[in-house]
Amino acid sequence: MAFKVALNAGHYLGTAGRCCPKSLDPAMTKEWVLNSRVVTKMQKLLSAYEDIEVLRVDDPEGLVEQTFTQKRKIVNDWVADFYLGVHHNAAGKIFNGGGISAFVTINPTAESIEWRDALYYEAVKETGLKGNRADPLVERDLKELRYLNCPAVLMECGFMDSTVDCPQILTDEYADKMDVYNTKGL
C-alpha cells in the first residue's frame, strides 16, 4: 500500500498582499508563486516513487481560492498519511533576519513533531537558511493544521521581506534545495 502525501501551496494568487516588497524584488513575486514552485517540484520528485502517492490540494494554477475547510476535507477523505503545507513568511517590514520555521498544531502527535523536526533540520542543512528565529520549531493553532486526520506540518520557507532570505527564495536553486529536503525528510 502506497504512502499518501497531501501537499498544499498555501494562499492563492489573489490573496491580498502576500508578495515580496518591490525594493527587494521589482517583480513583487507573489507568495503563491514561491510556494507553488516548491510544491510542483516536490510533487514531481515524490511521484517518481512507486510506493508514494501524491495529492495536491490547492488549485495548481493558483486561480481558485479554497478554504482550509475545503482542503481539510479533501485530505481527510483521501485518507492521507501525511500533510505538508508550504508557505513563505513575511514580517510586514523589510529587515535582515528571517529563516525557515516549521509548525505543528497545538497538542500535536509525536509523529507530527518528528516530521516537523526532521523536515526543519533537513531544510536548514540543504539551504543554509537557519536565520535568527528564537523558536523555529513551533506549536500553534493554525487553521490549516486543525482537524487533519494525519500527521501535519506547515513549513515557512523563508521571509519574503528579509534582505537575507528574499534573494535566495526567489531562485530556482533554492526551490530545488527545498525539494531535496522534503524528499529526504519523507
C-alpha atoms as a PDB file:
ATOM      1  CA  MET A   1       0.000   0.000   0.000  1.00  0.00           C
ATOM      2  CA  ALA A   2       1.386   3.398  -1.008  1.00  0.00           C
ATOM      3  CA  PHE A   3       2.240   6.147   1.460  1.00  0.00           C
ATOM      4  CA  LYS A   4      -0.126   9.049   0.712  1.00  0.00           C
ATOM      5  CA  VAL A   5       1.261  12.605   0.864  1.00  0.00           C
ATOM      6  CA  ALA A   6      -1.050  15.625   0.584  1.00  0.00           C
ATOM      7  CA  LEU A   7       0.606  18.895  -0.467  1.00  0.00           C
ATOM      8  CA  ASN A   8      -0.716  22.450  -0.273  1.00  0.00           C
ATOM      9  CA  ALA A   9       0.885  25.546  -1.797  1.00  0.00           C
ATOM     10  CA  GLY A  10      -0.727  27.895   0.690  1.00  0.00           C
ATOM     11  CA  HIS A  11      -2.572  31.004  -0.369  1.00  0.00           C
ATOM     12  CA  TYR A  12      -3.837  31.527  -3.903  1.00  0.00           C
ATOM     13  CA  LEU A  13      -2.669  34.208  -6.361  1.00  0.00           C
ATOM     14  CA  GLY A  14      -5.487  36.603  -5.474  1.00  0.00           C
ATOM     15  CA  THR A  15      -4.663  36.773  -1.768  1.00  0.00           C
ATOM     16  CA  ALA A  16      -4.136  40.438  -0.879  1.00  0.00           C
ATOM     17  CA  GLY A  17      -0.553  41.402  -0.095  1.00  0.00           C
ATOM     18  CA  ARG A  18       1.496  38.222   0.261  1.00  0.00           C
ATOM     19  CA  CYS A  19       4.332  39.222  -2.047  1.00  0.00           C
ATOM     20  CA  CYS A  20       7.962  40.255  -1.960  1.00  0.00           C
ATOM     21  CA  PRO A  21       8.380  44.023  -1.495  1.00  0.00           C
ATOM     22  CA  LYS A  22       9.273  45.970  -4.627  1.00  0.00           C
ATOM     23  CA  SER A  23      12.523  47.249  -3.113  1.00  0.00           C
ATOM     24  CA  LEU A  24      13.771  43.635  -2.766  1.00  0.00           C
ATOM     25  CA  ASP A  25      12.049  42.181  -5.837  1.00  0.00           C
ATOM     26  CA  PRO A  26      10.984  44.559  -8.639  1.00  0.00           C
ATOM     27  CA  ALA A  27       8.588  41.852  -9.906  1.00  0.00           C
ATOM     28  CA  MET A  28       6.891  41.705  -6.480  1.00  0.00           C
ATOM     29  CA  THR A  29       6.664  37.917  -6.732  1.00  0.00           C
ATOM     30  CA  LYS A  30       3.542  36.591  -5.023  1.00  0.00           C
ATOM     31  CA  GLU A  31       3.859  34.128  -2.171  1.00  0.00           C
ATOM     32  CA  TRP A  32       1.755  31.574  -4.051  1.00  0.00           C
ATOM     33  CA  VAL A  33       4.287  31.579  -6.914  1.00  0.00           C
ATOM     34  CA  LEU A  34       7.098  30.754  -4.480  1.00  0.00           C
ATOM     35  CA  ASN A  35       5.002  28.117  -2.685  1.00  0.00           C
ATOM     36  CA  SER A  36       3.757  26.529  -5.894  1.00  0.00           C
ATOM     37  CA  ARG A  37       7.232  26.285  -7.360  1.00  0.00           C
ATOM     38  CA  VAL A  38       8.362  24.238  -4.343  1.00  0.00           C
ATOM     39  CA  VAL A  39       5.196  22.095  -4.282  1.00  0.00           C
ATOM     40  CA  THR A  40       5.249  21.429  -8.043  1.00  0.00           C
ATOM     41  CA  LYS A  41       8.868  20.278  -7.931  1.00  0.00           C
ATOM     42  CA  MET A  42       8.229  18.219  -4.818  1.00  0.00           C
ATOM     43  CA  GLN A  43       5.165  16.585  -6.376  1.00  0.00           C
ATOM     44  CA  LYS A  44       7.229  15.592  -9.398  1.00  0.00           C
ATOM     45  CA  LEU A  45      10.048  14.164  -7.267  1.00  0.00           C
ATOM     46  CA  LEU A  46       7.748  12.194  -4.964  1.00  0.00           C
ATOM     47  CA  SER A  47       5.603  10.882  -7.817  1.00  0.00           C
ATOM     48  CA  ALA A  48       8.660   9.073  -9.173  1.00  0.00           C
ATOM     49  CA  TYR A  49       8.494   6.653  -6.215  1.00  0.00           C
ATOM     50  CA  GLU A  50       6.252   3.615  -6.705  1.00  0.00           C
ATOM     51  CA  ASP A  51       5.351   3.467  -3.033  1.00  0.00           C
ATOM     52  CA  ILE A  52       4.281   7.130  -2.681  1.00  0.00           C
ATOM     53  CA  GLU A  53       1.047   8.705  -3.899  1.00  0.00           C
ATOM     54  CA  VAL A  54       0.850  12.488  -4.018  1.00  0.00           C
ATOM     55  CA  LEU A  55      -2.220  14.704  -3.977  1.00  0.00           C
ATOM     56  CA  ARG A  56      -2.051  18.455  -4.372  1.00  0.00           C
ATOM     57  CA  VAL A  57      -4.983  20.004  -2.517  1.00  0.00           C
ATOM     58  CA  ASP A  58      -4.693  23.605  -3.725  1.00  0.00           C
ATOM     59  CA  ASP A  59      -5.513  24.852  -7.218  1.00  0.00           C
ATOM     60  CA  PRO A  60      -2.312  24.141  -9.223  1.00  0.00           C
ATOM     61  CA  GLU A  61      -2.933  27.311 -11.270  1.00  0.00           C
ATOM     62  CA  GLY A  62      -3.430  29.457  -8.166  1.00  0.00           C
ATOM     63  CA  LEU A  63      -6.613  30.986  -9.557  1.00  0.00           C
ATOM     64  CA  VAL A  64      -9.259  29.408  -7.317  1.00  0.00           C
ATOM     65  CA  GLU A  65      -9.369  30.249  -3.644  1.00  0.00           C
ATOM     66  CA  GLN A  66     -10.115  27.264  -1.438  1.00  0.00           C
ATOM     67  CA  THR A  67     -10.802  27.437   2.261  1.00  0.00           C
ATOM     68  CA  PHE A  68      -8.806  25.378   4.707  1.00  0.00           C
ATOM     69  CA  THR A  69     -12.066  23.562   5.479  1.00  0.00           C
ATOM     70  CA  GLN A  70     -12.337  22.506   1.824  1.00  0.00           C
ATOM     71  CA  LYS A  71      -8.697  21.430   1.701  1.00  0.00           C
ATOM     72  CA  ARG A  72      -9.010  19.568   5.006  1.00  0.00           C
ATOM     73  CA  LYS A  73     -11.998  17.613   3.672  1.00  0.00           C
ATOM     74  CA  ILE A  74     -10.001  16.618   0.590  1.00  0.00           C
ATOM     75  CA  VAL A  75      -7.054  15.458   2.735  1.00  0.00           C
ATOM     76  CA  ASN A  76      -9.215  13.534   5.218  1.00  0.00           C
ATOM     77  CA  ASP A  77     -11.462  11.967   2.554  1.00  0.00           C
ATOM     78  CA  TRP A  78      -8.355  10.811   0.673  1.00  0.00           C
ATOM     79  CA  VAL A  79      -7.059   9.337   3.962  1.00  0.00           C
ATOM     80  CA  ALA A  80      -3.626  10.921   3.621  1.00  0.00           C
ATOM     81  CA  ASP A  81      -0.726   9.546   5.635  1.00  0.00           C
ATOM     82  CA  PHE A  82       0.983  12.947   5.831  1.00  0.00           C
ATOM     83  CA  TYR A  83       0.108  16.577   5.063  1.00  0.00           C
ATOM     84  CA  LEU A  84       2.589  19.335   4.219  1.00  0.00           C
ATOM     85  CA  GLY A  85       1.642  22.975   3.775  1.00  0.00           C
ATOM     86  CA  VAL A  86       4.302  25.092   2.038  1.00  0.00           C
ATOM     87  CA  HIS A  87       4.411  28.837   2.683  1.00  0.00           C
ATOM     88  CA  HIS A  88       6.816  31.748   2.707  1.00  0.00           C
ATOM     89  CA  ASN A  89       6.672  34.198   5.582  1.00  0.00           C
ATOM     90  CA  ALA A  90       6.584  37.984   5.926  1.00  0.00           C
ATOM     91  CA  ALA A  91       7.343  40.201   8.903  1.00  0.00           C
ATOM     92  CA  GLY A  92       5.473  43.182   7.468  1.00  0.00           C
ATOM     93  CA  LYS A  93       8.617  45.287   7.174  1.00  0.00           C
ATOM     94  CA  ILE A  94      11.955  44.987   5.441  1.00  0.00           C
ATOM     95  CA  PHE A  95      14.535  43.512   7.798  1.00  0.00           C
ATOM     96  CA  ASN A  96      17.698  41.408   7.686  1.00  0.00           C
ATOM     97  CA  GLY A  97      16.677  38.457   9.873  1.00  0.00           C
ATOM     98  CA  GLY A  98      14.408  35.611   8.968  1.00  0.00           C
ATOM     99  CA  GLY A  99      14.970  31.969   8.249  1.00  0.00           C
ATOM    100  CA  ILE A 100      12.882  28.836   7.949  1.00  0.00           C
ATOM    101  CA  SER A 101      10.337  27.783  10.554  1.00  0.00           C
ATOM    102  CA  ALA A 102       8.148  24.710  10.912  1.00  0.00           C
ATOM    103  CA  PHE A 103       4.758  24.455  12.603  1.00  0.00           C
ATOM    104  CA  VAL A 104       2.542  21.773  14.055  1.00  0.00           C
ATOM    105  CA  THR A 105      -0.831  22.285  15.695  1.00  0.00           C
ATOM    106  CA  ILE A 106      -1.410  22.656  19.438  1.00  0.00           C
ATOM    107  CA  ASN A 107      -1.154  19.309  21.275  1.00  0.00           C
ATOM    108  CA  PRO A 108       0.434  17.600  18.272  1.00  0.00           C
ATOM    109  CA  THR A 109       1.007  13.898  17.919  1.00  0.00           C
ATOM    110  CA  ALA A 110       4.533  12.629  18.467  1.00  0.00           C
ATOM    111  CA  GLU A 111       4.595  11.713  14.786  1.00  0.00           C
ATOM    112  CA  SER A 112       3.803  15.304  13.726  1.00  0.00           C
ATOM    113  CA  ILE A 113       6.629  16.573  15.934  1.00  0.00           C
ATOM    114  CA  GLU A 114       9.034  14.035  14.404  1.00  0.00           C
ATOM    115  CA  TRP A 115       8.044  15.126  10.890  1.00  0.00           C
ATOM    116  CA  ARG A 116       8.328  18.818  11.777  1.00  0.00           C
ATOM    117  CA  ASP A 117      11.756  18.472  13.322  1.00  0.00           C
ATOM    118  CA  ALA A 118      13.143  16.217  10.582  1.00  0.00           C
ATOM    119  CA  LEU A 119      11.866  18.488   7.798  1.00  0.00           C
ATOM    120  CA  TYR A 120      13.121  21.650   9.502  1.00  0.00           C
ATOM    121  CA  TYR A 121      16.640  20.354  10.178  1.00  0.00           C
ATOM    122  CA  GLU A 122      16.977  18.891   6.680  1.00  0.00           C
ATOM    123  CA  ALA A 123      15.733  22.170   5.120  1.00  0.00           C
ATOM    124  CA  VAL A 124      18.276  24.206   7.075  1.00  0.00           C
ATOM    125  CA  LYS A 125      21.031  21.737   6.192  1.00  0.00           C
ATOM    126  CA  GLU A 126      20.190  21.887   2.472  1.00  0.00           C
ATOM    127  CA  THR A 127      19.541  25.629   2.161  1.00  0.00           C
ATOM    128  CA  GLY A 128      21.676  27.156   4.899  1.00  0.00           C
ATOM    129  CA  LEU A 129      18.711  29.413   5.738  1.00  0.00           C
ATOM    130  CA  LYS A 130      18.663  28.968   9.503  1.00  0.00           C
ATOM    131  CA  GLY A 131      18.006  32.607  10.270  1.00  0.00           C
ATOM    132  CA  ASN A 132      17.684  34.160  13.681  1.00  0.00           C
ATOM    133  CA  ARG A 133      14.292  32.892  14.815  1.00  0.00           C
ATOM    134  CA  ALA A 134      14.049  32.461  18.589  1.00  0.00           C
ATOM    135  CA  ASP A 135      11.802  29.425  18.126  1.00  0.00           C
ATOM    136  CA  PRO A 136      11.846  27.965  14.616  1.00  0.00           C
ATOM    137  CA  LEU A 137      10.010  24.789  15.747  1.00  0.00           C
ATOM    138  CA  VAL A 138       6.539  25.989  16.701  1.00  0.00           C
ATOM    139  CA  GLU A 139       3.262  24.634  18.074  1.00  0.00           C
ATOM    140  CA  ARG A 140       0.424  26.968  17.073  1.00  0.00           C
ATOM    141  CA  ASP A 141      -3.310  26.757  16.483  1.00  0.00           C
ATOM    142  CA  LEU A 142      -3.244  27.317  12.719  1.00  0.00           C
ATOM    143  CA  LYS A 143      -6.455  26.824  10.718  1.00  0.00           C
ATOM    144  CA  GLU A 144      -4.522  24.933   8.073  1.00  0.00           C
ATOM    145  CA  LEU A 145      -3.439  22.231  10.510  1.00  0.00           C
ATOM    146  CA  ARG A 146      -6.656  21.865  12.521  1.00  0.00           C
ATOM    147  CA  TYR A 147      -8.687  18.649  12.379  1.00  0.00           C
ATOM    148  CA  LEU A 148      -6.472  16.788   9.952  1.00  0.00           C
ATOM    149  CA  ASN A 149      -6.564  13.030  10.499  1.00  0.00           C
ATOM    150  CA  CYS A 150      -2.878  12.540   9.741  1.00  0.00           C
ATOM    151  CA  PRO A 151       0.453  13.981  10.880  1.00  0.00           C
ATOM    152  CA  ALA A 152       0.702  17.514   9.524  1.00  0.00           C
ATOM    153  CA  VAL A 153       3.378  20.204   9.184  1.00  0.00           C
ATOM    154  CA  LEU A 154       3.350  23.735   7.836  1.00  0.00           C
ATOM    155  CA  MET A 155       6.726  24.986   6.629  1.00  0.00           C
ATOM    156  CA  GLU A 156       7.523  28.686   6.305  1.00  0.00           C
ATOM    157  CA  CYS A 157      10.374  28.536   3.785  1.00  0.00           C
ATOM    158  CA  GLY A 158      11.941  31.931   4.446  1.00  0.00           C
ATOM    159  CA  PHE A 159      10.838  35.561   4.625  1.00  0.00           C
ATOM    160  CA  MET A 160       9.766  37.457   1.523  1.00  0.00           C
ATOM    161  CA  ASP A 161      10.645  40.798   3.184  1.00  0.00           C
ATOM    162  CA  SER A 162      14.071  39.816   4.505  1.00  0.00           C
ATOM    163  CA  THR A 163      17.146  41.269   2.813  1.00  0.00           C
ATOM    164  CA  VAL A 164      18.858  37.938   3.551  1.00  0.00           C
ATOM    165  CA  ASP A 165      16.093  35.480   2.623  1.00  0.00           C
ATOM    166  CA  CYS A 166      14.412  37.189  -0.347  1.00  0.00           C
ATOM    167  CA  PRO A 167      17.306  36.980  -2.842  1.00  0.00           C
ATOM    168  CA  GLN A 168      17.638  33.274  -2.043  1.00  0.00           C
ATOM    169  CA  ILE A 169      13.972  32.263  -2.076  1.00  0.00           C
ATOM    170  CA  LEU A 170      13.474  33.879  -5.489  1.00  0.00           C
ATOM    171  CA  THR A 171      15.875  31.428  -7.152  1.00  0.00           C
ATOM    172  CA  ASP A 172      15.060  28.071  -8.698  1.00  0.00           C
ATOM    173  CA  GLU A 173      18.136  26.690  -6.943  1.00  0.00           C
ATOM    174  CA  TYR A 174      16.553  27.456  -3.577  1.00  0.00           C
ATOM    175  CA  ALA A 175      13.302  25.729  -4.587  1.00  0.00           C
ATOM    176  CA  ASP A 176      15.349  22.716  -5.697  1.00  0.00           C
ATOM    177  CA  LYS A 177      17.082  22.606  -2.309  1.00  0.00           C
ATOM    178  CA  MET A 178      13.727  22.832  -0.511  1.00  0.00           C
ATOM    179  CA  ASP A 179      12.527  19.851  -2.539  1.00  0.00           C
ATOM    180  CA  VAL A 180      15.620  17.853  -1.722  1.00  0.00           C
ATOM    181  CA  TYR A 181      14.961  18.403   1.973  1.00  0.00           C
ATOM    182  CA  ASN A 182      11.330  17.391   1.590  1.00  0.00           C
ATOM    183  CA  THR A 183      12.111  14.147  -0.219  1.00  0.00           C
ATOM    184  CA  LYS A 184      14.894  13.275   2.237  1.00  0.00           C
ATOM    185  CA  GLY A 185      12.542  14.032   5.133  1.00  0.00           C
ATOM    186  CA  LEU A 186       9.935  11.694   3.710  1.00  0.00           C
END
